[in-house]
Amino acid sequence: MTRRLTVAERLAAADKNLRLADIADQSIWDRFLVEQAVFAFGQMQDTFSANDLRRVLPELSHGFLGAAIGALHRGGVIEHTGQMVPSTSGPTHGHRISVWTLTPSGHAIAVQRRAGRAERAA
């Protein structure tokens, strides 16, 4: 049985070849895409919350947002800033949600990915 990659390993593997089975498994594929979107947003913004991400992601992905943020947090890629903001999602009735930022490890992964893209472009 193969070992499952951590979120950090998946993000660091810029040349990762996705298996057809991963694509066929819709829920894993969707969650992976949302994880990538959260990571990309973290690279563009100093801090962010689910509110920010819901504005740019299609509605279908909103169900995966909490799981993606949780996976990135458990993987050490993002961390809580200590700030909370009211949710803008109607069903949540404005409950408070966390504000996140990339960790030093998350920034290192971003640097590795940029270096890999630059090498492939050369």
C-alpha atoms as a PDB file:
ATOM      1  CA  MET A   1       0.000   0.000   0.000  1.00  0.00           C
ATOM      2  CA  THR A   2       1.371   3.414  -0.930  1.00  0.00           C
ATOM      3  CA  ARG A   3       1.785   6.194   1.595  1.00  0.00           C
ATOM      4  CA  ARG A   4      -0.547   9.172   1.197  1.00  0.00           C
ATOM      5  CA  LEU A   5       1.235  12.439   0.509  1.00  0.00           C
ATOM      6  CA  THR A   6       0.796  15.253   2.987  1.00  0.00           C
ATOM      7  CA  VAL A   7      -0.638  18.561   1.824  1.00  0.00           C
ATOM      8  CA  ALA A   8       2.832  20.105   2.018  1.00  0.00           C
ATOM      9  CA  GLU A   9       4.286  17.293  -0.115  1.00  0.00           C
ATOM     10  CA  ARG A  10       1.517  17.679  -2.696  1.00  0.00           C
ATOM     11  CA  LEU A  11       2.126  21.422  -2.902  1.00  0.00           C
ATOM     12  CA  ALA A  12       5.897  21.003  -3.104  1.00  0.00           C
ATOM     13  CA  ALA A  13       5.669  18.507  -5.946  1.00  0.00           C
ATOM     14  CA  ALA A  14       5.378  20.963  -8.820  1.00  0.00           C
ATOM     15  CA  ASP A  15       5.812  18.190 -11.411  1.00  0.00           C
ATOM     16  CA  LYS A  16       3.403  15.788  -9.709  1.00  0.00           C
ATOM     17  CA  ASN A  17       1.707  13.595 -12.271  1.00  0.00           C
ATOM     18  CA  LEU A  18      -1.908  13.135 -11.302  1.00  0.00           C
ATOM     19  CA  ARG A  19      -3.187   9.616 -11.649  1.00  0.00           C
ATOM     20  CA  LEU A  20      -6.390   8.994 -13.556  1.00  0.00           C
ATOM     21  CA  ALA A  21      -7.866   7.521 -10.370  1.00  0.00           C
ATOM     22  CA  ASP A  22      -7.361  10.875  -8.605  1.00  0.00           C
ATOM     23  CA  ILE A  23      -9.166  12.695 -11.388  1.00  0.00           C
ATOM     24  CA  ALA A  24     -11.986  10.157 -11.405  1.00  0.00           C
ATOM     25  CA  ASP A  25     -12.475  10.545  -7.661  1.00  0.00           C
ATOM     26  CA  GLN A  26     -14.383  13.817  -7.898  1.00  0.00           C
ATOM     27  CA  SER A  27     -14.325  14.723  -4.210  1.00  0.00           C
ATOM     28  CA  ILE A  28     -10.553  14.253  -3.859  1.00  0.00           C
ATOM     29  CA  TRP A  29      -9.945  16.126  -7.100  1.00  0.00           C
ATOM     30  CA  ASP A  30     -12.182  19.048  -6.087  1.00  0.00           C
ATOM     31  CA  ARG A  31     -10.612  19.260  -2.648  1.00  0.00           C
ATOM     32  CA  PHE A  32      -7.121  19.206  -4.193  1.00  0.00           C
ATOM     33  CA  LEU A  33      -8.076  22.094  -6.500  1.00  0.00           C
ATOM     34  CA  VAL A  34      -9.467  24.100  -3.591  1.00  0.00           C
ATOM     35  CA  GLU A  35      -6.279  23.403  -1.579  1.00  0.00           C
ATOM     36  CA  GLN A  36      -4.273  24.744  -4.524  1.00  0.00           C
ATOM     37  CA  ALA A  37      -6.516  27.831  -4.690  1.00  0.00           C
ATOM     38  CA  VAL A  38      -6.125  28.513  -0.949  1.00  0.00           C
ATOM     39  CA  PHE A  39      -2.347  28.144  -1.242  1.00  0.00           C
ATOM     40  CA  ALA A  40      -2.216  30.444  -4.281  1.00  0.00           C
ATOM     41  CA  PHE A  41      -4.369  33.026  -2.500  1.00  0.00           C
ATOM     42  CA  GLY A  42      -2.027  32.832   0.508  1.00  0.00           C
ATOM     43  CA  GLN A  43       0.894  33.681  -1.776  1.00  0.00           C
ATOM     44  CA  MET A  44      -0.908  36.755  -3.126  1.00  0.00           C
ATOM     45  CA  GLN A  45      -2.270  38.097   0.187  1.00  0.00           C
ATOM     46  CA  ASP A  46      -0.526  38.598   3.517  1.00  0.00           C
ATOM     47  CA  THR A  47      -3.671  37.426   5.305  1.00  0.00           C
ATOM     48  CA  PHE A  48      -6.925  35.889   4.121  1.00  0.00           C
ATOM     49  CA  SER A  49     -10.120  34.273   5.346  1.00  0.00           C
ATOM     50  CA  ALA A  50     -12.751  31.992   3.876  1.00  0.00           C
ATOM     51  CA  ASN A  51     -14.692  35.176   3.009  1.00  0.00           C
ATOM     52  CA  ASP A  52     -11.936  36.217   0.598  1.00  0.00           C
ATOM     53  CA  LEU A  53     -11.788  32.785  -0.993  1.00  0.00           C
ATOM     54  CA  ARG A  54     -15.563  32.445  -1.425  1.00  0.00           C
ATOM     55  CA  ARG A  55     -15.492  35.621  -3.525  1.00  0.00           C
ATOM     56  CA  VAL A  56     -13.100  34.084  -6.057  1.00  0.00           C
ATOM     57  CA  LEU A  57     -14.038  30.385  -6.017  1.00  0.00           C
ATOM     58  CA  PRO A  58     -17.074  28.924  -7.766  1.00  0.00           C
ATOM     59  CA  GLU A  59     -19.969  28.108  -5.452  1.00  0.00           C
ATOM     60  CA  LEU A  60     -19.464  24.386  -5.961  1.00  0.00           C
ATOM     61  CA  SER A  61     -16.094  24.580  -4.205  1.00  0.00           C
ATOM     62  CA  HIS A  62     -17.405  26.300  -1.065  1.00  0.00           C
ATOM     63  CA  GLY A  63     -18.169  22.937   0.562  1.00  0.00           C
ATOM     64  CA  PHE A  64     -14.498  21.966   0.296  1.00  0.00           C
ATOM     65  CA  LEU A  65     -13.144  25.242   1.666  1.00  0.00           C
ATOM     66  CA  GLY A  66     -13.172  24.280   5.351  1.00  0.00           C
ATOM     67  CA  ALA A  67     -11.551  20.912   4.641  1.00  0.00           C
ATOM     68  CA  ALA A  68      -8.889  22.509   2.430  1.00  0.00           C
ATOM     69  CA  ILE A  69      -8.040  25.180   5.000  1.00  0.00           C
ATOM     70  CA  GLY A  70      -7.940  22.541   7.734  1.00  0.00           C
ATOM     71  CA  ALA A  71      -5.628  20.301   5.708  1.00  0.00           C
ATOM     72  CA  LEU A  72      -3.245  23.168   4.943  1.00  0.00           C
ATOM     73  CA  HIS A  73      -3.252  24.182   8.606  1.00  0.00           C
ATOM     74  CA  ARG A  74      -2.597  20.623   9.837  1.00  0.00           C
ATOM     75  CA  GLY A  75       0.123  20.303   7.189  1.00  0.00           C
ATOM     76  CA  GLY A  76       1.924  23.370   8.536  1.00  0.00           C
ATOM     77  CA  VAL A  77       1.423  25.388   5.334  1.00  0.00           C
ATOM     78  CA  ILE A  78      -0.857  28.072   6.835  1.00  0.00           C
ATOM     79  CA  GLU A  79      -1.367  29.323  10.365  1.00  0.00           C
ATOM     80  CA  HIS A  80      -3.984  31.278  12.260  1.00  0.00           C
ATOM     81  CA  THR A  81      -3.094  34.950  12.733  1.00  0.00           C
ATOM     82  CA  GLY A  82      -5.076  35.241  15.961  1.00  0.00           C
ATOM     83  CA  GLN A  83      -7.600  37.461  14.188  1.00  0.00           C
ATOM     84  CA  MET A  84     -11.241  36.619  13.585  1.00  0.00           C
ATOM     85  CA  VAL A  85     -13.750  38.251  11.227  1.00  0.00           C
ATOM     86  CA  PRO A  86     -17.507  37.784  10.803  1.00  0.00           C
ATOM     87  CA  SER A  87     -18.429  35.331   8.063  1.00  0.00           C
ATOM     88  CA  THR A  88     -20.133  36.787   5.008  1.00  0.00           C
ATOM     89  CA  SER A  89     -21.766  33.450   4.143  1.00  0.00           C
ATOM     90  CA  GLY A  90     -25.530  33.617   4.665  1.00  0.00           C
ATOM     91  CA  PRO A  91     -25.983  30.155   6.212  1.00  0.00           C
ATOM     92  CA  THR A  92     -23.384  30.912   8.913  1.00  0.00           C
ATOM     93  CA  HIS A  93     -25.347  33.923  10.218  1.00  0.00           C
ATOM     94  CA  GLY A  94     -22.147  35.942  10.607  1.00  0.00           C
ATOM     95  CA  HIS A  95     -20.300  33.631  13.000  1.00  0.00           C
ATOM     96  CA  ARG A  96     -16.628  34.456  13.455  1.00  0.00           C
ATOM     97  CA  ILE A  97     -14.069  32.806  11.178  1.00  0.00           C
ATOM     98  CA  SER A  98     -10.298  32.677  11.312  1.00  0.00           C
ATOM     99  CA  VAL A  99      -7.850  34.849   9.414  1.00  0.00           C
ATOM    100  CA  TRP A 100      -4.888  32.875   8.010  1.00  0.00           C
ATOM    101  CA  THR A 101      -1.388  33.497   6.678  1.00  0.00           C
ATOM    102  CA  LEU A 102       1.305  31.327   5.097  1.00  0.00           C
ATOM    103  CA  THR A 103       3.829  29.835   7.507  1.00  0.00           C
ATOM    104  CA  PRO A 104       7.566  30.003   6.850  1.00  0.00           C
ATOM    105  CA  SER A 105       7.200  26.436   5.530  1.00  0.00           C
ATOM    106  CA  GLY A 106       4.401  27.611   3.202  1.00  0.00           C
ATOM    107  CA  HIS A 107       6.614  30.406   1.894  1.00  0.00           C
ATOM    108  CA  ALA A 108       9.460  27.911   1.337  1.00  0.00           C
ATOM    109  CA  ILE A 109       7.142  25.674  -0.688  1.00  0.00           C
ATOM    110  CA  ALA A 110       6.118  28.692  -2.779  1.00  0.00           C
ATOM    111  CA  VAL A 111       9.787  29.532  -3.460  1.00  0.00           C
ATOM    112  CA  GLN A 112      10.496  25.912  -4.494  1.00  0.00           C
ATOM    113  CA  ARG A 113       7.525  25.921  -6.859  1.00  0.00           C
ATOM    114  CA  ARG A 114       8.589  29.217  -8.462  1.00  0.00           C
ATOM    115  CA  ALA A 115      12.155  27.893  -8.889  1.00  0.00           C
ATOM    116  CA  GLY A 116      10.830  24.717 -10.507  1.00  0.00           C
ATOM    117  CA  ARG A 117       8.709  26.711 -12.959  1.00  0.00           C
ATOM    118  CA  ALA A 118      11.688  28.942 -13.809  1.00  0.00           C
ATOM    119  CA  GLU A 119      13.864  25.878 -14.489  1.00  0.00           C
ATOM    120  CA  ARG A 120      11.242  24.332 -16.751  1.00  0.00           C
ATOM    121  CA  ALA A 121      10.828  27.607 -18.639  1.00  0.00           C
ATOM    122  CA  ALA A 122      14.569  27.891 -19.295  1.00  0.00           C
END
